Amino acid sequence: MYKYGIRITGIKDGNYNYSFKICDKFFESYVNSDIHHSSIESNVTLNKDQEKLKLKIEISGHVNLLCDLCAEIIKIKVINEINLIIEIRNELMENGDDIIYVQNNQHEIDIKQLIYETVVLSIPNQRKHSGKIGDKCNPDMIDLTNKYSFQREDKTDPRWEKLKDLK
């Protein structure tokens, strides 16, 4: 039995609710995870309607990441929801974006990876302080970044300038 397992066979029609607390230990098994600390609630609903299985994963909470500009730890709110269809098949098939294929001899599914992906997809691409009072970048780090950053000069190759004259 998985810690994040959900039984999919031998259940009656209806909704089945599961709740998981996602904390720091959850992300330790993901080597490339940028998340330093987290406090997330994950609510999972499995809906069985005759032979159809639908899975809904909702997450809400916060994660601590490094700011892209000053490398200080910032707290980012995460809220996300995904809806998936679980289809039971005789043969092994590759999962799609919103469909999970399981073999007919599989009695439960491990949703740990799905929860991880839901959290990661809720993190903004640009991670920086909001700039509001109490949530600003470290000015010393910004100064150092500006001091040592490579200043690129936009020089145009003279050959391109001559090609423009050919019109």
Foldseek 3Di string as FASTA:
>chain_A
DDPQKDFDPPDDAAKDKDKDWDWDVLCPVPPPDQFDIWTKIWMWIWGDDPQKIKIKIWMWTWTWGAAPQQRDIDIDTFTFMAMAIEHEDCDDDDADPRYHYDHPVDGIDRCSVVVVVRRVVRDDPHGAFPCDVPTHHDVVSNVVCVVPPDDDDDDDDVVVVVVVVPD
